[in-house]
Amino acid sequence: STDGFSLIELLVALLVIVMLTSLVSLNVGTGGRDIKLADSVRLLADTMAYVQSEAEMSGVDHGLYFSVDDEGLEPVIRGQWLRAYDQGWAAPRGSTDLLADFYAPDATRLSLALDGQPDLELTRQDPEVLPNPQLIFFAGGEVTPGSLDFIDQQTGELLYRLEWDLLGRSELLPKGESVAWDNNAAQ
């Protein structure tokens, strides 16, 4: 009997460690994507609330225009913040950090639905034309009611739905479903 491990035993142990490490890194990678998506959706919801307040306080309509940005390798949906001026809609003047363009997270597509309007096809923006926003935050405090779906490009699965009403009250719905506490499930 020898006091050490054989070469085969060491190789098997090393193989098990490598496989476990691979599984953990795959799960962490997917979780990281989910966290980035959730953060992106929350940031958009928070910025929408800020823009609604800004429109009310300044007495000037603000808006959000969604278009397809196909300048890179893969087309992505871009949300551009706008402000109403006498000449039409344009990017807000001043600090652009807070109202920086919003880009759909990697591997997701967006579907915008506004109440009382037909389904919107998001298209490429003509750089020669000042766009009119699809979503308007009115100076009187109202918002164009609707929803924005974040959909997995590969599977078509609904990942998040951001809904808001006429008064700008928004709700973030994971998988499009309201999360409610069920007393019967706890028993």
N, C-alpha and C. Protein backbone atom coordinates (compact mmCIF):
# COMPACT_ATOMS: atom_id res chain seq x y z
N SER A 1 0.85 -1.17 0.00
CA SER A 1 0.00 0.00 0.00
C SER A 1 0.89 1.23 0.00
N THR A 2 0.49 2.23 -0.85
CA THR A 2 1.24 3.48 -0.94
C THR A 2 0.51 4.56 -0.15
N ASP A 3 1.26 5.57 0.25
CA ASP A 3 0.67 6.63 1.08
C ASP A 3 0.15 7.80 0.26
N GLY A 4 0.21 7.80 -1.03
CA GLY A 4 -0.23 8.94 -1.85
C GLY A 4 -1.38 8.57 -2.78
N PHE A 5 -1.74 9.54 -3.60
CA PHE A 5 -2.79 9.32 -4.59
C PHE A 5 -2.14 8.88 -5.89
N SER A 6 -2.84 8.08 -6.64
CA SER A 6 -2.34 7.69 -7.95
C SER A 6 -2.60 8.82 -8.93
N LEU A 7 -1.95 8.78 -10.07
CA LEU A 7 -2.13 9.80 -11.10
C LEU A 7 -3.57 9.85 -11.59
N ILE A 8 -4.19 8.70 -11.72
CA ILE A 8 -5.58 8.63 -12.19
C ILE A 8 -6.51 9.29 -11.16
N GLU A 9 -6.30 9.04 -9.89
CA GLU A 9 -7.13 9.66 -8.85
C GLU A 9 -6.99 11.18 -8.86
N LEU A 10 -5.80 11.66 -9.06
CA LEU A 10 -5.59 13.11 -9.14
C LEU A 10 -6.27 13.71 -10.37
N LEU A 11 -6.19 13.03 -11.51
CA LEU A 11 -6.84 13.52 -12.74
C LEU A 11 -8.36 13.54 -12.59
N VAL A 12 -8.92 12.52 -11.95
CA VAL A 12 -10.37 12.48 -11.73
C VAL A 12 -10.79 13.62 -10.80
N ALA A 13 -10.05 13.85 -9.75
CA ALA A 13 -10.36 14.94 -8.83
C ALA A 13 -10.27 16.29 -9.54
N LEU A 14 -9.24 16.46 -10.36
CA LEU A 14 -9.08 17.70 -11.12
C LEU A 14 -10.23 17.90 -12.11
N LEU A 15 -10.67 16.82 -12.77
CA LEU A 15 -11.79 16.88 -13.71
C LEU A 15 -13.07 17.31 -13.00
N VAL A 16 -13.32 16.76 -11.82
CA VAL A 16 -14.52 17.12 -11.05
C VAL A 16 -14.47 18.60 -10.67
N ILE A 17 -13.33 19.08 -10.25
CA ILE A 17 -13.19 20.50 -9.87
C ILE A 17 -13.43 21.40 -11.07
N VAL A 18 -12.89 21.05 -12.22
CA VAL A 18 -13.08 21.85 -13.44
C VAL A 18 -14.55 21.87 -13.84
N MET A 19 -15.21 20.74 -13.77
CA MET A 19 -16.64 20.69 -14.14
C MET A 19 -17.48 21.53 -13.19
N LEU A 20 -17.22 21.45 -11.90
CA LEU A 20 -17.97 22.26 -10.94
C LEU A 20 -17.73 23.76 -11.16
N THR A 21 -16.51 24.12 -11.43
CA THR A 21 -16.18 25.53 -11.70
C THR A 21 -16.90 26.02 -12.95
N SER A 22 -16.97 25.18 -13.97
CA SER A 22 -17.66 25.56 -15.21
C SER A 22 -19.15 25.79 -14.96
N LEU A 23 -19.77 24.90 -14.20
CA LEU A 23 -21.19 25.05 -13.90
C LEU A 23 -21.46 26.32 -13.11
N VAL A 24 -20.65 26.61 -12.13
CA VAL A 24 -20.83 27.82 -11.33
C VAL A 24 -20.66 29.06 -12.19
N SER A 25 -19.66 29.09 -13.05
CA SER A 25 -19.44 30.27 -13.87
C SER A 25 -20.55 30.47 -14.89
N LEU A 26 -21.15 29.39 -15.41
CA LEU A 26 -22.28 29.53 -16.32
C LEU A 26 -23.48 30.14 -15.60
N ASN A 27 -23.76 29.68 -14.40
CA ASN A 27 -24.89 30.22 -13.64
C ASN A 27 -24.66 31.66 -13.25
N VAL A 28 -23.46 32.02 -12.87
CA VAL A 28 -23.16 33.40 -12.50
C VAL A 28 -23.28 34.30 -13.72
N GLY A 29 -22.84 33.83 -14.88
CA GLY A 29 -22.92 34.62 -16.11
C GLY A 29 -24.35 34.94 -16.48
N THR A 30 -25.23 33.97 -16.38
CA THR A 30 -26.64 34.19 -16.69
C THR A 30 -27.25 35.14 -15.66
N GLY A 31 -26.91 34.96 -14.40
CA GLY A 31 -27.43 35.84 -13.35
C GLY A 31 -26.98 37.27 -13.55
N GLY A 32 -25.76 37.46 -14.01
CA GLY A 32 -25.26 38.80 -14.28
C GLY A 32 -26.06 39.49 -15.37
N ARG A 33 -26.42 38.76 -16.41
CA ARG A 33 -27.24 39.33 -17.49
C ARG A 33 -28.62 39.73 -16.96
N ASP A 34 -29.20 38.86 -16.13
CA ASP A 34 -30.51 39.16 -15.55
C ASP A 34 -30.46 40.39 -14.65
N ILE A 35 -29.39 40.53 -13.89
CA ILE A 35 -29.23 41.68 -13.00
C ILE A 35 -29.08 42.95 -13.83
N LYS A 36 -28.27 42.90 -14.90
CA LYS A 36 -28.09 44.07 -15.76
C LYS A 36 -29.41 44.48 -16.42
N LEU A 37 -30.20 43.49 -16.85
CA LEU A 37 -31.49 43.78 -17.46
C LEU A 37 -32.43 44.44 -16.45
N ALA A 38 -32.52 43.87 -15.25
CA ALA A 38 -33.39 44.43 -14.21
C ALA A 38 -32.96 45.86 -13.87
N ASP A 39 -31.65 46.10 -13.75
CA ASP A 39 -31.15 47.45 -13.47
C ASP A 39 -31.50 48.41 -14.58
N SER A 40 -31.39 47.97 -15.82
CA SER A 40 -31.69 48.82 -16.97
C SER A 40 -33.17 49.20 -17.00
N VAL A 41 -34.04 48.23 -16.72
CA VAL A 41 -35.49 48.50 -16.71
C VAL A 41 -35.83 49.46 -15.57
N ARG A 42 -35.24 49.24 -14.39
CA ARG A 42 -35.50 50.14 -13.25
C ARG A 42 -34.98 51.55 -13.52
N LEU A 43 -33.82 51.65 -14.15
CA LEU A 43 -33.27 52.96 -14.49
C LEU A 43 -34.21 53.70 -15.44
N LEU A 44 -34.75 52.99 -16.43
CA LEU A 44 -35.70 53.63 -17.35
C LEU A 44 -36.94 54.10 -16.61
N ALA A 45 -37.48 53.26 -15.72
CA ALA A 45 -38.67 53.64 -14.95
C ALA A 45 -38.38 54.86 -14.07
N ASP A 46 -37.23 54.89 -13.43
CA ASP A 46 -36.86 56.03 -12.58
C ASP A 46 -36.67 57.29 -13.41
N THR A 47 -36.06 57.16 -14.57
CA THR A 47 -35.85 58.34 -15.43
C THR A 47 -37.18 58.86 -15.95
N MET A 48 -38.11 57.94 -16.25
CA MET A 48 -39.45 58.38 -16.69
C MET A 48 -40.14 59.19 -15.59
N ALA A 49 -40.02 58.74 -14.35
CA ALA A 49 -40.62 59.48 -13.22
C ALA A 49 -39.97 60.85 -13.09
N TYR A 50 -38.65 60.92 -13.25
CA TYR A 50 -37.95 62.20 -13.19
C TYR A 50 -38.42 63.13 -14.30
N VAL A 51 -38.53 62.60 -15.52
CA VAL A 51 -38.93 63.43 -16.67
C VAL A 51 -40.36 63.94 -16.47
N GLN A 52 -41.23 63.11 -15.90
CA GLN A 52 -42.59 63.57 -15.63
C GLN A 52 -42.58 64.74 -14.65
N SER A 53 -41.77 64.63 -13.59
CA SER A 53 -41.65 65.73 -12.63
C SER A 53 -41.06 66.96 -13.28
N GLU A 54 -40.05 66.78 -14.11
CA GLU A 54 -39.41 67.89 -14.81
C GLU A 54 -40.41 68.61 -15.73
N ALA A 55 -41.25 67.85 -16.42
CA ALA A 55 -42.26 68.45 -17.30
C ALA A 55 -43.25 69.29 -16.50
N GLU A 56 -43.68 68.76 -15.35
CA GLU A 56 -44.61 69.50 -14.51
C GLU A 56 -43.98 70.76 -13.94
N MET A 57 -42.76 70.65 -13.44
CA MET A 57 -42.11 71.79 -12.80
C MET A 57 -41.72 72.87 -13.81
N SER A 58 -41.30 72.46 -14.99
CA SER A 58 -40.87 73.45 -15.99
C SER A 58 -42.04 73.98 -16.82
N GLY A 59 -43.17 73.28 -16.79
CA GLY A 59 -44.32 73.70 -17.58
C GLY A 59 -44.13 73.45 -19.07
N VAL A 60 -43.23 72.52 -19.42
CA VAL A 60 -42.93 72.22 -20.82
C VAL A 60 -43.04 70.71 -21.04
N ASP A 61 -43.72 70.33 -22.14
CA ASP A 61 -43.85 68.92 -22.47
C ASP A 61 -42.48 68.30 -22.74
N HIS A 62 -42.32 67.05 -22.31
CA HIS A 62 -41.12 66.26 -22.59
C HIS A 62 -41.58 64.97 -23.26
N GLY A 63 -40.67 64.27 -23.88
CA GLY A 63 -41.07 63.04 -24.56
C GLY A 63 -39.94 62.03 -24.65
N LEU A 64 -40.31 60.84 -25.09
CA LEU A 64 -39.36 59.75 -25.32
C LEU A 64 -39.66 59.16 -26.69
N TYR A 65 -38.63 59.15 -27.53
CA TYR A 65 -38.76 58.64 -28.90
C TYR A 65 -37.92 57.38 -29.04
N PHE A 66 -38.57 56.28 -29.40
CA PHE A 66 -37.88 55.01 -29.61
C PHE A 66 -37.64 54.79 -31.10
N SER A 67 -36.43 54.39 -31.43
CA SER A 67 -36.10 54.09 -32.83
C SER A 67 -35.09 52.95 -32.87
N VAL A 68 -34.86 52.44 -34.07
CA VAL A 68 -33.87 51.39 -34.27
C VAL A 68 -32.55 52.06 -34.63
N ASP A 69 -31.51 51.73 -33.88
CA ASP A 69 -30.17 52.23 -34.15
C ASP A 69 -29.38 51.08 -34.78
N ASP A 70 -29.12 51.18 -36.08
CA ASP A 70 -28.43 50.08 -36.77
C ASP A 70 -27.02 50.47 -37.20
N GLU A 71 -26.39 51.36 -36.43
CA GLU A 71 -25.03 51.78 -36.73
C GLU A 71 -23.99 50.72 -36.37
N GLY A 72 -24.27 49.89 -35.38
CA GLY A 72 -23.30 48.88 -34.92
C GLY A 72 -23.46 47.57 -35.66
N LEU A 73 -22.89 46.52 -35.09
CA LEU A 73 -22.99 45.19 -35.70
C LEU A 73 -24.41 44.66 -35.66
N GLU A 74 -25.06 44.82 -34.52
CA GLU A 74 -26.44 44.37 -34.33
C GLU A 74 -27.34 45.58 -34.12
N PRO A 75 -28.50 45.63 -34.78
CA PRO A 75 -29.41 46.74 -34.50
C PRO A 75 -29.94 46.67 -33.07
N VAL A 76 -30.05 47.83 -32.41
CA VAL A 76 -30.60 47.91 -31.06
C VAL A 76 -31.65 49.01 -31.02
N ILE A 77 -32.52 48.91 -30.04
CA ILE A 77 -33.55 49.94 -29.85
C ILE A 77 -32.95 51.04 -28.99
N ARG A 78 -33.15 52.27 -29.44
CA ARG A 78 -32.63 53.44 -28.74
C ARG A 78 -33.81 54.32 -28.31
N GLY A 79 -33.77 54.76 -27.07
CA GLY A 79 -34.76 55.71 -26.57
C GLY A 79 -34.09 57.06 -26.41
N GLN A 80 -34.64 58.06 -27.06
CA GLN A 80 -34.06 59.40 -27.05
C GLN A 80 -35.00 60.35 -26.30
N TRP A 81 -34.48 61.03 -25.28
CA TRP A 81 -35.27 61.98 -24.51
C TRP A 81 -35.38 63.28 -25.28
N LEU A 82 -36.58 63.84 -25.34
CA LEU A 82 -36.83 65.06 -26.09
C LEU A 82 -37.58 66.07 -25.22
N ARG A 83 -37.52 67.32 -25.65
CA ARG A 83 -38.22 68.42 -24.98
C ARG A 83 -38.88 69.26 -26.05
N ALA A 84 -40.08 69.76 -25.76
CA ALA A 84 -40.78 70.61 -26.72
C ALA A 84 -40.21 72.02 -26.68
N TYR A 85 -39.86 72.52 -27.85
CA TYR A 85 -39.41 73.90 -28.02
C TYR A 85 -40.33 74.56 -29.05
N ASP A 86 -40.21 75.87 -29.21
CA ASP A 86 -41.05 76.58 -30.19
C ASP A 86 -40.86 76.01 -31.60
N GLN A 87 -39.66 75.55 -31.92
CA GLN A 87 -39.35 75.04 -33.25
C GLN A 87 -39.72 73.57 -33.41
N GLY A 88 -40.11 72.91 -32.35
CA GLY A 88 -40.45 71.48 -32.39
C GLY A 88 -39.73 70.72 -31.30
N TRP A 89 -39.66 69.42 -31.45
CA TRP A 89 -39.02 68.56 -30.45
C TRP A 89 -37.52 68.48 -30.71
N ALA A 90 -36.74 68.51 -29.63
CA ALA A 90 -35.28 68.39 -29.73
C ALA A 90 -34.75 67.88 -28.40
N ALA A 91 -33.49 67.49 -28.40
CA ALA A 91 -32.85 67.02 -27.17
C ALA A 91 -32.86 68.14 -26.14
N PRO A 92 -33.09 67.82 -24.86
CA PRO A 92 -33.08 68.85 -23.82
C PRO A 92 -31.71 69.51 -23.72
N ARG A 93 -31.71 70.79 -23.48
CA ARG A 93 -30.45 71.51 -23.29
C ARG A 93 -29.98 71.33 -21.85
N GLY A 94 -28.70 71.53 -21.63
CA GLY A 94 -28.17 71.41 -20.27
C GLY A 94 -27.51 70.06 -20.06
N SER A 95 -27.64 69.55 -18.85
CA SER A 95 -26.97 68.31 -18.49
C SER A 95 -27.51 67.14 -19.30
N THR A 96 -26.64 66.51 -20.05
CA THR A 96 -27.06 65.37 -20.86
C THR A 96 -26.79 64.05 -20.15
N ASP A 97 -26.09 64.07 -19.03
CA ASP A 97 -25.79 62.83 -18.31
C ASP A 97 -27.06 62.17 -17.79
N LEU A 98 -27.93 62.95 -17.18
CA LEU A 98 -29.13 62.41 -16.58
C LEU A 98 -30.11 61.90 -17.64
N LEU A 99 -30.19 62.62 -18.75
CA LEU A 99 -31.11 62.24 -19.82
C LEU A 99 -30.35 61.69 -21.02
N ALA A 100 -29.37 60.84 -20.74
CA ALA A 100 -28.62 60.19 -21.81
C ALA A 100 -29.55 59.22 -22.54
N ASP A 101 -29.24 58.95 -23.81
CA ASP A 101 -30.04 58.02 -24.58
C ASP A 101 -30.10 56.67 -23.88
N PHE A 102 -31.24 56.03 -24.00
CA PHE A 102 -31.46 54.71 -23.43
C PHE A 102 -31.30 53.69 -24.54
N TYR A 103 -30.54 52.63 -24.29
CA TYR A 103 -30.38 51.55 -25.26
C TYR A 103 -30.91 50.27 -24.67
N ALA A 104 -31.65 49.51 -25.47
CA ALA A 104 -32.17 48.23 -25.00
C ALA A 104 -31.00 47.33 -24.62
N PRO A 105 -31.12 46.62 -23.52
CA PRO A 105 -30.03 45.72 -23.10
C PRO A 105 -29.74 44.67 -24.17
N ASP A 106 -28.51 44.13 -24.14
CA ASP A 106 -28.10 43.10 -25.10
C ASP A 106 -29.09 41.95 -25.13
N ALA A 107 -29.31 41.43 -26.33
CA ALA A 107 -30.14 40.25 -26.57
C ALA A 107 -31.60 40.46 -26.20
N THR A 108 -32.06 41.72 -26.13
CA THR A 108 -33.47 41.99 -25.90
C THR A 108 -34.00 42.90 -26.99
N ARG A 109 -35.27 42.76 -27.24
CA ARG A 109 -35.94 43.71 -28.13
C ARG A 109 -37.09 44.33 -27.35
N LEU A 110 -37.53 45.48 -27.79
CA LEU A 110 -38.58 46.19 -27.08
C LEU A 110 -39.84 46.24 -27.93
N SER A 111 -40.97 46.19 -27.26
CA SER A 111 -42.25 46.33 -27.93
C SER A 111 -43.04 47.40 -27.16
N LEU A 112 -43.36 48.49 -27.83
CA LEU A 112 -44.06 49.61 -27.22
C LEU A 112 -45.53 49.57 -27.61
N ALA A 113 -46.41 49.62 -26.62
CA ALA A 113 -47.85 49.66 -26.85
C ALA A 113 -48.42 50.87 -26.10
N LEU A 114 -49.13 51.73 -26.83
CA LEU A 114 -49.75 52.90 -26.21
C LEU A 114 -51.26 52.73 -26.28
N ASP A 115 -51.94 53.04 -25.16
CA ASP A 115 -53.39 52.85 -25.09
C ASP A 115 -54.10 53.64 -26.19
N GLY A 116 -55.04 52.97 -26.84
CA GLY A 116 -55.86 53.62 -27.85
C GLY A 116 -55.16 53.85 -29.18
N GLN A 117 -53.97 53.30 -29.36
CA GLN A 117 -53.24 53.48 -30.61
C GLN A 117 -52.88 52.12 -31.19
N PRO A 118 -52.79 52.03 -32.51
CA PRO A 118 -52.38 50.74 -33.09
C PRO A 118 -50.96 50.41 -32.69
N ASP A 119 -50.60 49.12 -32.83
CA ASP A 119 -49.25 48.70 -32.49
C ASP A 119 -48.23 49.54 -33.25
N LEU A 120 -47.17 49.92 -32.54
CA LEU A 120 -46.15 50.77 -33.13
C LEU A 120 -44.99 49.94 -33.66
N GLU A 121 -44.59 50.21 -34.87
CA GLU A 121 -43.41 49.57 -35.45
C GLU A 121 -42.25 50.53 -35.23
N LEU A 122 -41.25 50.07 -34.48
CA LEU A 122 -40.09 50.91 -34.22
C LEU A 122 -39.17 50.84 -35.44
N THR A 123 -38.88 52.00 -36.02
CA THR A 123 -38.10 52.06 -37.25
C THR A 123 -36.86 52.92 -37.04
N ARG A 124 -36.05 52.98 -38.06
CA ARG A 124 -34.83 53.79 -38.04
C ARG A 124 -35.24 55.27 -38.13
N GLN A 125 -34.57 56.12 -37.36
CA GLN A 125 -34.85 57.55 -37.37
C GLN A 125 -34.14 58.21 -38.54
N ASP A 126 -34.86 59.05 -39.25
CA ASP A 126 -34.26 59.84 -40.32
C ASP A 126 -33.51 60.99 -39.67
N PRO A 127 -32.18 61.07 -39.83
CA PRO A 127 -31.40 62.12 -39.15
C PRO A 127 -31.76 63.54 -39.61
N GLU A 128 -32.42 63.68 -40.74
CA GLU A 128 -32.79 64.99 -41.27
C GLU A 128 -34.09 65.53 -40.66
N VAL A 129 -34.84 64.66 -39.98
CA VAL A 129 -36.16 65.05 -39.47
C VAL A 129 -36.15 65.04 -37.95
N LEU A 130 -36.69 66.10 -37.34
CA LEU A 130 -36.85 66.12 -35.89
C LEU A 130 -38.01 65.19 -35.54
N PRO A 131 -37.76 64.16 -34.73
CA PRO A 131 -38.82 63.20 -34.44
C PRO A 131 -39.84 63.74 -33.44
N ASN A 132 -41.07 63.26 -33.57
CA ASN A 132 -42.08 63.50 -32.55
C ASN A 132 -42.08 62.27 -31.65
N PRO A 133 -42.04 62.46 -30.33
CA PRO A 133 -41.96 61.30 -29.44
C PRO A 133 -43.24 60.47 -29.46
N GLN A 134 -43.10 59.17 -29.25
CA GLN A 134 -44.27 58.31 -29.12
C GLN A 134 -44.88 58.47 -27.72
N LEU A 135 -44.02 58.65 -26.74
CA LEU A 135 -44.44 58.75 -25.34
C LEU A 135 -44.24 60.19 -24.88
N ILE A 136 -45.33 60.85 -24.45
CA ILE A 136 -45.25 62.26 -24.08
C ILE A 136 -45.58 62.43 -22.60
N PHE A 137 -44.75 63.20 -21.94
CA PHE A 137 -44.95 63.61 -20.55
C PHE A 137 -45.42 65.06 -20.61
N PHE A 138 -46.71 65.27 -20.41
CA PHE A 138 -47.30 66.59 -20.57
C PHE A 138 -47.01 67.48 -19.36
N ALA A 139 -46.95 68.79 -19.60
CA ALA A 139 -46.67 69.75 -18.55
C ALA A 139 -47.75 69.74 -17.47
N GLY A 140 -48.95 69.30 -17.82
CA GLY A 140 -50.05 69.23 -16.85
C GLY A 140 -49.98 68.03 -15.93
N GLY A 141 -48.98 67.15 -16.13
CA GLY A 141 -48.82 66.00 -15.25
C GLY A 141 -49.27 64.68 -15.86
N GLU A 142 -49.94 64.72 -17.02
CA GLU A 142 -50.38 63.48 -17.64
C GLU A 142 -49.25 62.86 -18.46
N VAL A 143 -49.41 61.57 -18.71
CA VAL A 143 -48.46 60.82 -19.52
C VAL A 143 -49.26 59.98 -20.50
N THR A 144 -48.75 59.79 -21.70
CA THR A 144 -49.38 58.89 -22.65
C THR A 144 -49.38 57.50 -22.02
N PRO A 145 -50.56 56.93 -21.67
CA PRO A 145 -50.56 55.63 -21.01
C PRO A 145 -50.14 54.51 -21.96
N GLY A 146 -49.49 53.49 -21.39
CA GLY A 146 -49.08 52.36 -22.23
C GLY A 146 -48.17 51.41 -21.49
N SER A 147 -47.44 50.62 -22.27
CA SER A 147 -46.52 49.64 -21.70
C SER A 147 -45.34 49.42 -22.64
N LEU A 148 -44.26 48.94 -22.06
CA LEU A 148 -43.05 48.63 -22.81
C LEU A 148 -42.61 47.24 -22.39
N ASP A 149 -42.57 46.32 -23.37
CA ASP A 149 -42.16 44.94 -23.10
C ASP A 149 -40.70 44.75 -23.47
N PHE A 150 -39.97 44.07 -22.59
CA PHE A 150 -38.58 43.67 -22.84
C PHE A 150 -38.63 42.18 -23.14
N ILE A 151 -38.26 41.80 -24.36
CA ILE A 151 -38.43 40.43 -24.85
C ILE A 151 -37.07 39.84 -25.22
N ASP A 152 -36.84 38.59 -24.83
CA ASP A 152 -35.61 37.88 -25.18
C ASP A 152 -35.61 37.65 -26.69
N GLN A 153 -34.57 38.12 -27.38
CA GLN A 153 -34.51 38.00 -28.84
C GLN A 153 -34.46 36.55 -29.31
N GLN A 154 -33.80 35.69 -28.57
CA GLN A 154 -33.65 34.31 -29.01
C GLN A 154 -34.88 33.47 -28.77
N THR A 155 -35.48 33.59 -27.59
CA THR A 155 -36.59 32.72 -27.24
C THR A 155 -37.96 33.36 -27.45
N GLY A 156 -38.03 34.69 -27.54
CA GLY A 156 -39.31 35.38 -27.64
C GLY A 156 -40.02 35.49 -26.30
N GLU A 157 -39.36 35.10 -25.22
CA GLU A 157 -39.95 35.13 -23.88
C GLU A 157 -40.03 36.57 -23.36
N LEU A 158 -41.17 36.90 -22.77
CA LEU A 158 -41.34 38.21 -22.14
C LEU A 158 -40.55 38.21 -20.83
N LEU A 159 -39.58 39.11 -20.73
CA LEU A 159 -38.72 39.18 -19.55
C LEU A 159 -39.26 40.19 -18.53
N TYR A 160 -39.63 41.37 -19.00
CA TYR A 160 -40.19 42.42 -18.14
C TYR A 160 -41.23 43.20 -18.93
N ARG A 161 -42.19 43.71 -18.20
CA ARG A 161 -43.15 44.67 -18.76
C ARG A 161 -43.15 45.87 -17.82
N LEU A 162 -42.99 47.05 -18.40
CA LEU A 162 -43.09 48.30 -17.66
C LEU A 162 -44.38 48.95 -18.11
N GLU A 163 -45.34 49.09 -17.19
CA GLU A 163 -46.64 49.69 -17.50
C GLU A 163 -46.77 51.01 -16.76
N TRP A 164 -47.50 51.96 -17.35
CA TRP A 164 -47.78 53.23 -16.70
C TRP A 164 -49.16 53.70 -17.14
N ASP A 165 -49.78 54.48 -16.27
CA ASP A 165 -51.12 54.97 -16.57
C ASP A 165 -51.07 56.46 -16.92
N LEU A 166 -52.24 57.07 -17.08
CA LEU A 166 -52.36 58.47 -17.49
C LEU A 166 -51.68 59.42 -16.51
N LEU A 167 -51.62 59.03 -15.24
CA LEU A 167 -50.99 59.89 -14.24
C LEU A 167 -49.52 59.57 -14.03
N GLY A 168 -48.98 58.66 -14.84
CA GLY A 168 -47.56 58.33 -14.77
C GLY A 168 -47.20 57.32 -13.72
N ARG A 169 -48.20 56.76 -13.03
CA ARG A 169 -47.90 55.72 -12.05
C ARG A 169 -47.45 54.48 -12.80
N SER A 170 -46.25 54.02 -12.49
CA SER A 170 -45.71 52.89 -13.25
C SER A 170 -45.59 51.66 -12.38
N GLU A 171 -45.58 50.51 -13.04
CA GLU A 171 -45.42 49.24 -12.36
C GLU A 171 -44.48 48.38 -13.19
N LEU A 172 -43.50 47.80 -12.53
CA LEU A 172 -42.54 46.92 -13.18
C LEU A 172 -43.00 45.48 -12.95
N LEU A 173 -43.27 44.77 -14.03
CA LEU A 173 -43.83 43.43 -13.94
C LEU A 173 -42.85 42.39 -14.50
N PRO A 174 -42.16 41.64 -13.64
CA PRO A 174 -41.30 40.56 -14.14
C PRO A 174 -42.15 39.53 -14.88
N LYS A 175 -41.72 39.15 -16.06
CA LYS A 175 -42.43 38.18 -16.91
C LYS A 175 -43.84 38.66 -17.25
N GLY A 176 -44.12 39.96 -17.06
CA GLY A 176 -45.42 40.52 -17.40
C GLY A 176 -46.49 40.27 -16.37
N GLU A 177 -46.12 39.70 -15.23
CA GLU A 177 -47.12 39.35 -14.23
C GLU A 177 -46.92 40.18 -12.97
N SER A 178 -48.04 40.58 -12.39
CA SER A 178 -47.99 41.31 -11.13
C SER A 178 -47.56 40.35 -10.02
N VAL A 179 -46.66 40.82 -9.19
CA VAL A 179 -46.20 40.00 -8.07
C VAL A 179 -47.05 40.36 -6.86
N ALA A 180 -47.83 39.40 -6.38
CA ALA A 180 -48.70 39.64 -5.22
C ALA A 180 -48.46 38.55 -4.20
N TRP A 181 -48.56 38.91 -2.93
CA TRP A 181 -48.39 37.95 -1.86
C TRP A 181 -49.68 37.18 -1.69
N ASP A 182 -49.59 35.85 -1.72
CA ASP A 182 -50.75 34.97 -1.56
C ASP A 182 -50.71 34.37 -0.17
N ASN A 183 -51.66 34.74 0.68
CA ASN A 183 -51.69 34.22 2.06
C ASN A 183 -51.89 32.72 2.08
N ASN A 184 -52.65 32.17 1.15
CA ASN A 184 -52.89 30.73 1.13
C ASN A 184 -51.63 29.95 0.80
N ALA A 185 -50.73 30.53 -0.02
CA ALA A 185 -49.51 29.82 -0.39
C ALA A 185 -48.56 29.69 0.80
N ALA A 186 -48.66 30.60 1.75
CA ALA A 186 -47.76 30.59 2.90
C ALA A 186 -48.16 29.53 3.94
N GLN A 187 -49.40 29.02 3.83
CA GLN A 187 -49.88 28.06 4.83
C GLN A 187 -49.54 26.65 4.46
